[in-house]
C-alpha atoms as a PDB file:
ATOM      1  CA  MET A   1     -22.146 -10.517   0.826  1.00  0.00           C
ATOM      2  CA  LYS A   2     -19.489  -8.521   2.648  1.00  0.00           C
ATOM      3  CA  ILE A   3     -17.007  -6.818   0.343  1.00  0.00           C
ATOM      4  CA  LEU A   4     -13.675  -5.177   1.104  1.00  0.00           C
ATOM      5  CA  ALA A   5     -12.938  -2.611  -1.612  1.00  0.00           C
ATOM      6  CA  MET A   6      -9.676  -0.720  -2.110  1.00  0.00           C
ATOM      7  CA  ASP A   7      -8.240   1.852  -4.493  1.00  0.00           C
ATOM      8  CA  THR A   8      -4.659   3.109  -4.516  1.00  0.00           C
ATOM      9  CA  SER A   9      -4.537   4.023  -8.196  1.00  0.00           C
ATOM     10  CA  ASN A  10      -3.974   7.741  -7.583  1.00  0.00           C
ATOM     11  CA  SER A  11      -2.724  10.020  -4.818  1.00  0.00           C
ATOM     12  CA  THR A  12      -5.755   9.198  -2.682  1.00  0.00           C
ATOM     13  CA  LEU A  13      -6.064   5.860  -0.935  1.00  0.00           C
ATOM     14  CA  SER A  14      -9.606   4.620  -0.353  1.00  0.00           C
ATOM     15  CA  VAL A  15     -10.866   1.555   1.469  1.00  0.00           C
ATOM     16  CA  ALA A  16     -14.469   0.579   2.133  1.00  0.00           C
ATOM     17  CA  VAL A  17     -16.443  -2.323   3.533  1.00  0.00           C
ATOM     18  CA  LEU A  18     -19.898  -3.016   2.125  1.00  0.00           C
ATOM     19  CA  ASP A  19     -22.617  -5.495   2.935  1.00  0.00           C
ATOM     20  CA  ASP A  20     -24.313  -5.996  -0.420  1.00  0.00           C
ATOM     21  CA  ASP A  21     -25.302  -2.413  -1.350  1.00  0.00           C
ATOM     22  CA  LYS A  22     -24.967  -0.968   2.169  1.00  0.00           C
ATOM     23  CA  LEU A  23     -21.798   0.939   3.057  1.00  0.00           C
ATOM     24  CA  LEU A  24     -20.612  -0.202   6.495  1.00  0.00           C
ATOM     25  CA  ALA A  25     -17.387   1.828   6.787  1.00  0.00           C
ATOM     26  CA  GLN A  26     -14.945   3.777   4.654  1.00  0.00           C
ATOM     27  CA  ALA A  27     -11.699   5.733   4.863  1.00  0.00           C
ATOM     28  CA  THR A  28      -9.887   7.961   2.387  1.00  0.00           C
ATOM     29  CA  THR A  29      -6.455   9.524   2.790  1.00  0.00           C
ATOM     30  CA  ASN A  30      -4.694  12.040   0.576  1.00  0.00           C
ATOM     31  CA  VAL A  31      -1.131  11.258   1.623  1.00  0.00           C
ATOM     32  CA  SER A  32       0.507  10.369  -1.675  1.00  0.00           C
ATOM     33  CA  ARG A  33       3.506   8.033  -1.940  1.00  0.00           C
ATOM     34  CA  ASN A  34       2.753   6.281   1.348  1.00  0.00           C
ATOM     35  CA  HIS A  35       0.245   3.704   0.134  1.00  0.00           C
ATOM     36  CA  SER A  36       2.656   0.847   0.765  1.00  0.00           C
ATOM     37  CA  THR A  37       2.869   1.681   4.469  1.00  0.00           C
ATOM     38  CA  THR A  38      -0.684   2.909   5.077  1.00  0.00           C
ATOM     39  CA  LEU A  39      -2.894   0.483   3.138  1.00  0.00           C
ATOM     40  CA  MET A  40      -2.886  -2.405   5.629  1.00  0.00           C
ATOM     41  CA  PRO A  41      -3.473  -0.195   8.712  1.00  0.00           C
ATOM     42  CA  VAL A  42      -6.351   1.541   6.882  1.00  0.00           C
ATOM     43  CA  ILE A  43      -7.849  -1.837   5.916  1.00  0.00           C
ATOM     44  CA  GLU A  44      -7.623  -2.993   9.531  1.00  0.00           C
ATOM     45  CA  SER A  45      -9.224   0.228  10.768  1.00  0.00           C
ATOM     46  CA  VAL A  46     -12.106   0.124   8.286  1.00  0.00           C
ATOM     47  CA  ILE A  47     -12.872  -3.525   9.073  1.00  0.00           C
ATOM     48  CA  LYS A  48     -12.972  -2.661  12.786  1.00  0.00           C
ATOM     49  CA  GLN A  49     -15.248   0.328  12.093  1.00  0.00           C
ATOM     50  CA  ALA A  50     -17.590  -2.050  10.271  1.00  0.00           C
ATOM     51  CA  LYS A  51     -17.588  -4.251  13.396  1.00  0.00           C
ATOM     52  CA  LEU A  52     -16.309  -7.225  11.414  1.00  0.00           C
ATOM     53  CA  THR A  53     -13.252  -9.425  11.314  1.00  0.00           C
ATOM     54  CA  ILE A  54     -11.224 -10.115   8.184  1.00  0.00           C
ATOM     55  CA  HIS A  55     -12.617 -13.670   8.186  1.00  0.00           C
ATOM     56  CA  GLU A  56     -16.156 -12.332   7.671  1.00  0.00           C
ATOM     57  CA  ILE A  57     -15.206 -10.758   4.319  1.00  0.00           C
ATOM     58  CA  ASP A  58     -16.639 -12.697   1.344  1.00  0.00           C
ATOM     59  CA  ARG A  59     -15.077 -10.831  -1.595  1.00  0.00           C
ATOM     60  CA  ILE A  60     -12.301  -8.352  -2.261  1.00  0.00           C
ATOM     61  CA  ALA A  61     -12.644  -5.691  -4.951  1.00  0.00           C
ATOM     62  CA  VAL A  62      -9.645  -3.709  -6.146  1.00  0.00           C
ATOM     63  CA  ALA A  63      -9.391  -0.801  -8.572  1.00  0.00           C
ATOM     64  CA  LYS A  64      -7.443  -1.901 -11.628  1.00  0.00           C
ATOM     65  CA  GLY A  65      -6.817   1.517 -13.092  1.00  0.00           C
ATOM     66  CA  PRO A  66      -5.937   3.431 -15.002  1.00  0.00           C
ATOM     67  CA  GLY A  67      -3.654   5.161 -12.551  1.00  0.00           C
ATOM     68  CA  SER A  68      -0.266   5.108 -10.919  1.00  0.00           C
ATOM     69  CA  TYR A  69       1.627   1.938 -11.860  1.00  0.00           C
ATOM     70  CA  THR A  70       3.147   1.592  -8.392  1.00  0.00           C
ATOM     71  CA  GLY A  71      -0.125   2.459  -6.676  1.00  0.00           C
ATOM     72  CA  LEU A  72      -1.992  -0.157  -8.683  1.00  0.00           C
ATOM     73  CA  ARG A  73       0.607  -2.802  -7.843  1.00  0.00           C
ATOM     74  CA  ILE A  74       0.350  -2.055  -4.109  1.00  0.00           C
ATOM     75  CA  ALA A  75      -3.419  -2.614  -3.958  1.00  0.00           C
ATOM     76  CA  ALA A  76      -3.381  -5.525  -6.409  1.00  0.00           C
ATOM     77  CA  THR A  77      -0.685  -7.368  -4.470  1.00  0.00           C
ATOM     78  CA  THR A  78      -2.374  -6.729  -1.128  1.00  0.00           C
ATOM     79  CA  ALA A  79      -5.735  -7.848  -2.516  1.00  0.00           C
ATOM     80  CA  LYS A  80      -4.273 -11.006  -4.088  1.00  0.00           C
ATOM     81  CA  VAL A  81      -2.505 -12.028  -0.877  1.00  0.00           C
ATOM     82  CA  LEU A  82      -5.614 -11.424   1.246  1.00  0.00           C
ATOM     83  CA  ALA A  83      -7.924 -13.234  -1.182  1.00  0.00           C
ATOM     84  CA  SER A  84      -5.563 -16.176  -1.487  1.00  0.00           C
ATOM     85  CA  THR A  85      -4.998 -16.435   2.249  1.00  0.00           C
ATOM     86  CA  LEU A  86      -8.709 -16.150   3.065  1.00  0.00           C
ATOM     87  CA  LYS A  87      -9.728 -18.315   0.063  1.00  0.00           C
ATOM     88  CA  ILE A  88     -12.260 -15.735  -1.145  1.00  0.00           C
ATOM     89  CA  GLU A  89     -13.128 -14.184  -4.497  1.00  0.00           C
ATOM     90  CA  LEU A  90     -11.053 -11.309  -5.896  1.00  0.00           C
ATOM     91  CA  VAL A  91     -12.439  -8.966  -8.556  1.00  0.00           C
ATOM     92  CA  GLY A  92     -10.835  -6.077 -10.401  1.00  0.00           C
ATOM     93  CA  ILE A  93     -12.886  -2.972 -11.126  1.00  0.00           C
ATOM     94  CA  SER A  94     -12.096  -0.483 -13.909  1.00  0.00           C
ATOM     95  CA  SER A  95     -11.868   2.991 -12.404  1.00  0.00           C
ATOM     96  CA  LEU A  96     -13.117   4.559 -15.627  1.00  0.00           C
ATOM     97  CA  LYS A  97     -16.125   2.250 -15.931  1.00  0.00           C
ATOM     98  CA  LEU A  98     -17.021   2.992 -12.322  1.00  0.00           C
ATOM     99  CA  LEU A  99     -16.916   6.734 -12.956  1.00  0.00           C
ATOM    100  CA  ALA A 100     -18.873   6.350 -16.187  1.00  0.00           C
ATOM    101  CA  ALA A 101     -21.568   4.320 -14.428  1.00  0.00           C
ATOM    102  CA  ASN A 102     -22.463   7.417 -12.397  1.00  0.00           C
ATOM    103  CA  ILE A 103     -23.173   9.530 -15.482  1.00  0.00           C
ATOM    104  CA  THR A 104     -26.851   9.880 -16.315  1.00  0.00           C
ATOM    105  CA  ASP A 105     -26.442  11.333 -19.830  1.00  0.00           C
ATOM    106  CA  THR A 106     -25.186   8.243 -21.672  1.00  0.00           C
ATOM    107  CA  ASN A 107     -25.087  10.076 -25.019  1.00  0.00           C
ATOM    108  CA  ARG A 108     -21.824  11.683 -23.957  1.00  0.00           C
ATOM    109  CA  ILE A 109     -19.808   8.680 -22.865  1.00  0.00           C
ATOM    110  CA  ILE A 110     -17.580   6.547 -25.028  1.00  0.00           C
ATOM    111  CA  ILE A 111     -15.743   3.651 -23.382  1.00  0.00           C
ATOM    112  CA  TYR A 112     -13.185   1.612 -25.290  1.00  0.00           C
ATOM    113  CA  VAL A 113     -12.504  -1.774 -23.805  1.00  0.00           C
END
């Protein structure tokens, strides 16, 4: 399954394309307050780096925060439009749960849902 993942919840903007567990391409920028103008060009670039077309994407994953309200809206809106247009699945990923999943000492993590 080919996944387009994006995160604009903070000052960094990250986009990646994965094929199941294999990372095909990624890009991260640290230009804050320009996510609205840079997200789509970065998505296009990363998909090209992965040697795919947008129509080969099976699922879109978007960070759902916590983070910048405006940043979250930019990625969420872009992801919803792409998923709807392409008729593919859209999933939201908790940024905190993703970070916590990388911790090996589970005795020190408390996650409230």
